Amino acid sequence: MILVADSGSTKTDWMWGTSPEKYMATSGLNPHFVNDKQLQTSLNKVRHQCGPIDTIFFYGAGCGATSARQRIITALHQHFPSSYICVEGDLMGACRATCGNHSGIVGILGTGSNACFYDGYRIVKSLPSAGYILGDEGSGCHIGRLLVKDYIRQLMPDPLCTYFQKYIQMEYDELMTTIYERPAANRFFASLVPFALQNRETTYIQDLLLYAFGEFLSRQVQQIGQGCELYLTGSIAATFEKEVRISGEKRGYQIKNIIPRPIQALISYHNTHLPERQ
């Protein structure tokens, strides 16, 4: 039996079995943000739910580096010692979910963001991740960062500024402590996305969203430079599909497909593409 995981910084989707597949969710398992206890707790829940597993495909945010990938492999082996385990970055998961065996420019717009060119078999061009402080353009984290910056600099118009203060329920000192001293600031920024959604039709939010998605296209997608067809995954891409498509059209990109959660497409892919064990 195959177990497939699609892990972001906020949530991990797990699916296994066939006709029908079974599903569960745990917290995000980005190895850069999760500690060993959190990792073991989540994997223990999965093991008890799904039972014996032959093969595991884990696609995760933060799993591009060898050391981070090895940490996830080691943890999975502790709970599934007899399983064949393959750990890849979430970008490869997005590629297989949206393109399968076809080529295309693939991007993720979730808590974080990324983009690459996929030739139908492997990622042939991508950019190093700049992380949530320097990069993640167009992501939920980026949108939240823009909201906080405008709020602090008093660039957010009234009455939105008043609404935002009530939404976060923090004074300036606590807000700065949350951002700079507490863990998982990226998740805090992404948690502000519902405010943007609630006020989506205002000119201010429309401009902010178009700017954020424009930054994603110009600073990530455009650097890939492999055509004009774009495939996207992630909750932000799905939630703000209208604004993403407008931004794409302005820059000459055709959005071919948007999948909010890749997990169903991934298990379908792996139920027909079995690995060659080494």
Protein backbone atom coordinates (compact mmCIF):
# COMPACT_ATOMS: atom_id res chain seq x y z
CA MET A 1 0.00 0.00 0.00
CA ILE A 2 1.18 3.52 -0.85
CA LEU A 3 1.14 6.47 1.55
CA VAL A 4 1.46 9.96 0.07
CA ALA A 5 2.03 13.19 2.01
CA ASP A 6 1.87 16.80 0.85
CA SER A 7 3.31 18.95 3.59
CA GLY A 8 3.37 22.72 3.80
CA SER A 9 4.41 24.97 6.64
CA THR A 10 0.86 25.07 8.02
CA LYS A 11 -0.70 21.66 7.26
CA THR A 12 0.20 18.19 6.01
CA ASP A 13 -2.28 16.17 3.92
CA TRP A 14 -1.90 12.37 4.03
CA MET A 15 -3.64 9.86 1.76
CA TRP A 16 -3.29 6.11 1.34
CA GLY A 17 -5.08 3.09 -0.14
CA THR A 18 -7.26 2.77 -3.23
CA SER A 19 -10.95 2.90 -4.12
CA PRO A 20 -11.64 4.82 -1.98
CA GLU A 21 -8.46 6.40 -0.62
CA LYS A 22 -8.31 7.33 3.06
CA TYR A 23 -7.31 10.78 4.23
CA MET A 24 -6.08 12.55 7.34
CA ALA A 25 -4.37 15.86 8.14
CA THR A 26 -1.67 16.81 10.61
CA SER A 27 0.20 20.02 11.29
CA GLY A 28 2.78 21.28 8.81
CA LEU A 29 6.09 19.40 8.92
CA ASN A 30 8.50 21.88 7.37
CA PRO A 31 11.81 20.65 8.88
CA HIS A 32 13.03 24.23 9.30
CA PHE A 33 10.15 25.12 11.64
CA VAL A 34 9.02 21.90 13.34
CA ASN A 35 10.82 20.43 16.35
CA ASP A 36 11.48 16.73 16.92
CA LYS A 37 8.58 16.29 19.35
CA GLN A 38 6.07 17.81 16.93
CA LEU A 39 7.43 15.69 14.10
CA GLN A 40 7.23 12.46 16.09
CA THR A 41 3.73 13.25 17.40
CA SER A 42 2.37 13.76 13.87
CA LEU A 43 4.03 10.65 12.45
CA ASN A 44 2.80 8.55 15.35
CA LYS A 45 -0.79 9.61 14.58
CA VAL A 46 -0.34 8.70 10.92
CA ARG A 47 1.13 5.28 11.69
CA HIS A 48 -1.78 4.39 13.96
CA GLN A 49 -4.30 5.49 11.35
CA CYS A 50 -2.92 3.83 8.23
CA GLY A 51 -1.20 0.69 9.52
CA PRO A 52 1.44 -1.19 7.46
CA ILE A 53 2.73 0.70 4.42
CA ASP A 54 4.89 -0.57 1.55
CA THR A 55 5.90 2.74 -0.01
CA ILE A 56 5.88 6.36 1.20
CA PHE A 57 6.12 9.46 -0.98
CA PHE A 58 6.59 12.58 1.12
CA TYR A 59 6.54 15.99 -0.58
CA GLY A 60 7.40 18.79 1.79
CA ALA A 61 8.07 22.50 2.06
CA GLY A 62 11.64 22.97 3.26
CA CYS A 63 12.74 19.53 1.99
CA GLY A 64 14.88 20.77 -0.87
CA ALA A 65 18.15 20.66 1.09
CA THR A 66 19.79 17.29 1.67
CA SER A 67 20.05 17.71 5.46
CA ALA A 68 16.39 18.69 5.82
CA ARG A 69 15.27 15.85 3.56
CA GLN A 70 17.36 13.35 5.53
CA ARG A 71 15.75 14.48 8.78
CA ILE A 72 12.31 13.62 7.42
CA ILE A 73 13.56 10.29 6.01
CA THR A 74 15.04 9.34 9.39
CA ALA A 75 11.84 10.21 11.23
CA LEU A 76 9.69 8.25 8.77
CA HIS A 77 11.97 5.21 9.05
CA GLN A 78 11.48 5.20 12.82
CA HIS A 79 7.72 4.75 12.35
CA PHE A 80 7.75 2.77 9.09
CA PRO A 81 11.00 0.74 9.30
CA SER A 82 10.18 -1.68 6.47
CA SER A 83 8.80 0.90 4.01
CA TYR A 84 10.46 2.23 0.87
CA ILE A 85 10.64 6.00 1.50
CA CYS A 86 11.06 8.81 -1.02
CA VAL A 87 11.19 12.42 0.21
CA GLU A 88 11.08 15.32 -2.26
CA GLY A 89 10.46 19.05 -2.06
CA ASP A 90 6.89 20.33 -2.31
CA LEU A 91 7.72 21.81 -5.71
CA MET A 92 8.16 18.34 -7.20
CA GLY A 93 4.82 17.39 -5.69
CA ALA A 94 3.21 20.39 -7.35
CA CYS A 95 4.77 19.38 -10.68
CA ARG A 96 3.51 15.81 -10.57
CA ALA A 97 0.07 16.90 -9.36
CA THR A 98 -0.49 19.52 -12.05
CA CYS A 99 1.52 18.27 -15.04
CA GLY A 100 1.97 14.53 -14.55
CA ASN A 101 4.24 13.54 -17.45
CA HIS A 102 3.87 16.83 -19.34
CA SER A 103 6.15 19.87 -19.20
CA GLY A 104 5.29 23.32 -17.90
CA ILE A 105 6.07 26.18 -15.55
CA VAL A 106 4.78 25.16 -12.12
CA GLY A 107 4.31 27.39 -9.10
CA ILE A 108 3.16 27.12 -5.50
CA LEU A 109 1.18 29.87 -3.79
CA GLY A 110 0.41 28.76 -0.25
CA THR A 111 1.91 29.83 3.08
CA GLY A 112 5.12 30.16 1.04
CA SER A 113 5.78 30.31 -2.70
CA ASN A 114 8.10 28.83 -5.31
CA ALA A 115 8.31 28.18 -9.05
CA CYS A 116 10.19 26.02 -11.53
CA PHE A 117 10.24 24.56 -15.03
CA TYR A 118 9.35 20.85 -15.15
CA ASP A 119 10.10 18.77 -18.24
CA GLY A 120 7.64 15.99 -17.42
CA TYR A 121 10.19 13.97 -15.48
CA ARG A 122 12.34 16.29 -13.40
CA ILE A 123 12.74 19.95 -12.40
CA VAL A 124 15.25 21.40 -14.85
CA LYS A 125 15.24 25.02 -13.70
CA SER A 126 14.38 26.65 -10.39
CA LEU A 127 15.59 29.42 -8.13
CA PRO A 128 17.01 29.10 -4.60
CA SER A 129 14.37 29.81 -1.99
CA ALA A 130 14.89 33.15 -0.28
CA GLY A 131 12.63 32.12 2.62
CA TYR A 132 9.78 34.04 4.17
CA ILE A 133 11.87 37.06 5.18
CA LEU A 134 13.45 37.80 1.79
CA GLY A 135 11.16 35.95 -0.61
CA ASP A 136 7.90 33.96 -0.80
CA GLU A 137 6.39 36.59 -3.08
CA GLY A 138 2.64 36.19 -3.61
CA SER A 139 2.28 33.76 -0.72
CA GLY A 140 0.02 33.99 2.31
CA CYS A 141 3.07 35.02 4.32
CA HIS A 142 3.86 37.81 1.83
CA ILE A 143 0.27 39.09 1.86
CA GLY A 144 0.29 39.17 5.67
CA ARG A 145 3.66 40.93 5.70
CA LEU A 146 2.35 43.63 3.39
CA LEU A 147 -0.72 44.14 5.59
CA VAL A 148 1.37 44.51 8.75
CA LYS A 149 3.85 46.88 7.10
CA ASP A 150 1.10 49.15 5.83
CA TYR A 151 -0.65 49.04 9.18
CA ILE A 152 2.50 50.02 11.10
CA ARG A 153 3.41 52.76 8.61
CA GLN A 154 -0.19 54.06 8.65
CA LEU A 155 -0.57 53.41 4.94
CA MET A 156 -3.65 51.26 5.42
CA PRO A 157 -6.72 53.43 4.86
CA ASP A 158 -9.51 53.94 7.38
CA PRO A 159 -11.75 52.20 8.26
CA LEU A 160 -9.62 49.16 7.27
CA CYS A 161 -6.93 50.21 9.73
CA THR A 162 -9.48 50.12 12.57
CA TYR A 163 -10.78 46.74 11.39
CA PHE A 164 -7.26 45.38 11.20
CA GLN A 165 -6.44 46.46 14.74
CA LYS A 166 -9.55 44.66 15.99
CA TYR A 167 -8.63 41.62 13.88
CA ILE A 168 -5.13 41.14 15.28
CA GLN A 169 -6.05 42.31 18.81
CA MET A 170 -2.47 43.39 19.52
CA GLU A 171 -0.79 46.60 20.46
CA TYR A 172 2.44 47.57 18.72
CA ASP A 173 4.81 46.00 21.29
CA GLU A 174 3.04 42.63 21.23
CA LEU A 175 2.90 42.68 17.45
CA MET A 176 6.67 43.21 17.24
CA THR A 177 7.28 40.47 19.81
CA THR A 178 5.11 38.06 17.80
CA ILE A 179 7.02 38.80 14.62
CA TYR A 180 10.60 38.97 15.89
CA GLU A 181 10.77 36.87 19.05
CA ARG A 182 8.19 34.10 18.85
CA PRO A 183 8.54 31.05 16.57
CA ALA A 184 6.80 30.56 13.21
CA ALA A 185 6.36 34.20 12.20
CA ASN A 186 5.57 32.94 8.70
CA ARG A 187 2.47 31.20 10.03
CA PHE A 188 1.43 34.35 11.87
CA PHE A 189 1.67 36.39 8.68
CA ALA A 190 -0.27 33.75 6.73
CA SER A 191 -2.97 33.78 9.43
CA LEU A 192 -3.81 37.34 8.35
CA VAL A 193 -4.97 36.22 4.89
CA PRO A 194 -8.65 35.89 6.01
CA PHE A 195 -8.60 39.65 6.68
CA ALA A 196 -7.64 40.22 3.04
CA LEU A 197 -10.37 37.80 1.94
CA GLN A 198 -13.01 39.53 4.07
CA ASN A 199 -12.11 42.89 2.54
CA ARG A 200 -11.29 41.58 -0.91
CA GLU A 201 -13.48 44.01 -2.84
CA THR A 202 -11.89 47.16 -1.43
CA THR A 203 -9.52 49.07 -3.69
CA TYR A 204 -6.73 48.81 -1.13
CA ILE A 205 -6.87 45.00 -0.89
CA GLN A 206 -7.26 44.62 -4.64
CA ASP A 207 -4.14 46.70 -5.21
CA LEU A 208 -2.24 44.80 -2.52
CA LEU A 209 -3.14 41.40 -4.02
CA LEU A 210 -2.27 42.43 -7.56
CA TYR A 211 1.06 43.78 -6.32
CA ALA A 212 1.84 40.57 -4.40
CA PHE A 213 1.02 38.28 -7.33
CA GLY A 214 2.85 40.59 -9.70
CA GLU A 215 5.95 40.22 -7.52
CA PHE A 216 5.60 36.44 -7.66
CA LEU A 217 5.43 36.52 -11.46
CA SER A 218 8.24 39.01 -12.00
CA ARG A 219 10.67 37.80 -9.31
CA GLN A 220 10.11 34.06 -9.61
CA VAL A 221 8.15 32.90 -12.67
CA GLN A 222 9.73 35.32 -15.12
CA GLN A 223 13.19 34.20 -14.05
CA ILE A 224 12.34 30.65 -15.12
CA GLY A 225 11.79 31.91 -18.68
CA GLN A 226 10.36 28.77 -20.28
CA GLY A 227 7.11 29.88 -21.97
CA CYS A 228 3.82 31.46 -20.98
CA GLU A 229 1.70 28.56 -19.67
CA LEU A 230 1.57 28.36 -15.89
CA TYR A 231 0.29 25.62 -13.56
CA LEU A 232 -0.35 26.49 -9.91
CA THR A 233 -1.09 24.75 -6.62
CA GLY A 234 -1.83 26.09 -3.16
CA SER A 235 -4.59 27.63 -1.08
CA ILE A 236 -3.67 31.21 -1.97
CA ALA A 237 -3.73 30.52 -5.71
CA ALA A 238 -7.17 28.91 -5.35
CA THR A 239 -8.64 31.46 -2.95
CA PHE A 240 -7.55 34.46 -5.01
CA GLU A 241 -7.82 32.83 -8.43
CA LYS A 242 -9.41 35.90 -9.99
CA GLU A 243 -6.58 38.20 -8.92
CA VAL A 244 -3.92 35.63 -9.87
CA ARG A 245 -5.38 35.32 -13.36
CA ILE A 246 -5.58 39.10 -13.78
CA SER A 247 -1.93 39.44 -12.76
CA GLY A 248 -0.98 36.66 -15.14
CA GLU A 249 -2.82 38.20 -18.08
CA LYS A 250 -1.14 41.56 -17.48
CA ARG A 251 2.26 39.88 -17.80
CA GLY A 252 1.43 37.57 -20.67
CA TYR A 253 0.95 34.33 -18.73
CA GLN A 254 -1.89 31.89 -19.31
CA ILE A 255 -2.95 30.09 -16.14
CA LYS A 256 -3.70 26.56 -17.33
CA ASN A 257 -4.66 24.92 -14.07
CA ILE A 258 -4.99 25.71 -10.36
CA ILE A 259 -5.14 22.87 -7.81
CA PRO A 260 -5.73 24.02 -4.22
CA ARG A 261 -4.56 20.76 -2.64
CA PRO A 262 -2.30 18.42 -4.64
CA ILE A 263 -2.82 15.33 -2.47
CA GLN A 264 -5.59 13.65 -4.51
CA ALA A 265 -3.73 14.17 -7.78
CA LEU A 266 -0.51 12.87 -6.19
CA ILE A 267 -1.93 9.60 -4.95
CA SER A 268 -3.58 9.05 -8.34
CA TYR A 269 -0.20 9.70 -9.97
CA HIS A 270 1.64 7.25 -7.71
CA ASN A 271 -0.97 4.53 -8.00
CA THR A 272 -0.06 4.42 -11.71
CA HIS A 273 3.67 5.33 -11.49
CA LEU A 274 5.40 2.86 -9.20
CA PRO A 275 9.02 3.58 -8.20
CA GLU A 276 12.06 1.66 -9.28
CA ARG A 277 13.64 0.58 -6.01
CA GLN A 278 17.38 0.98 -5.75
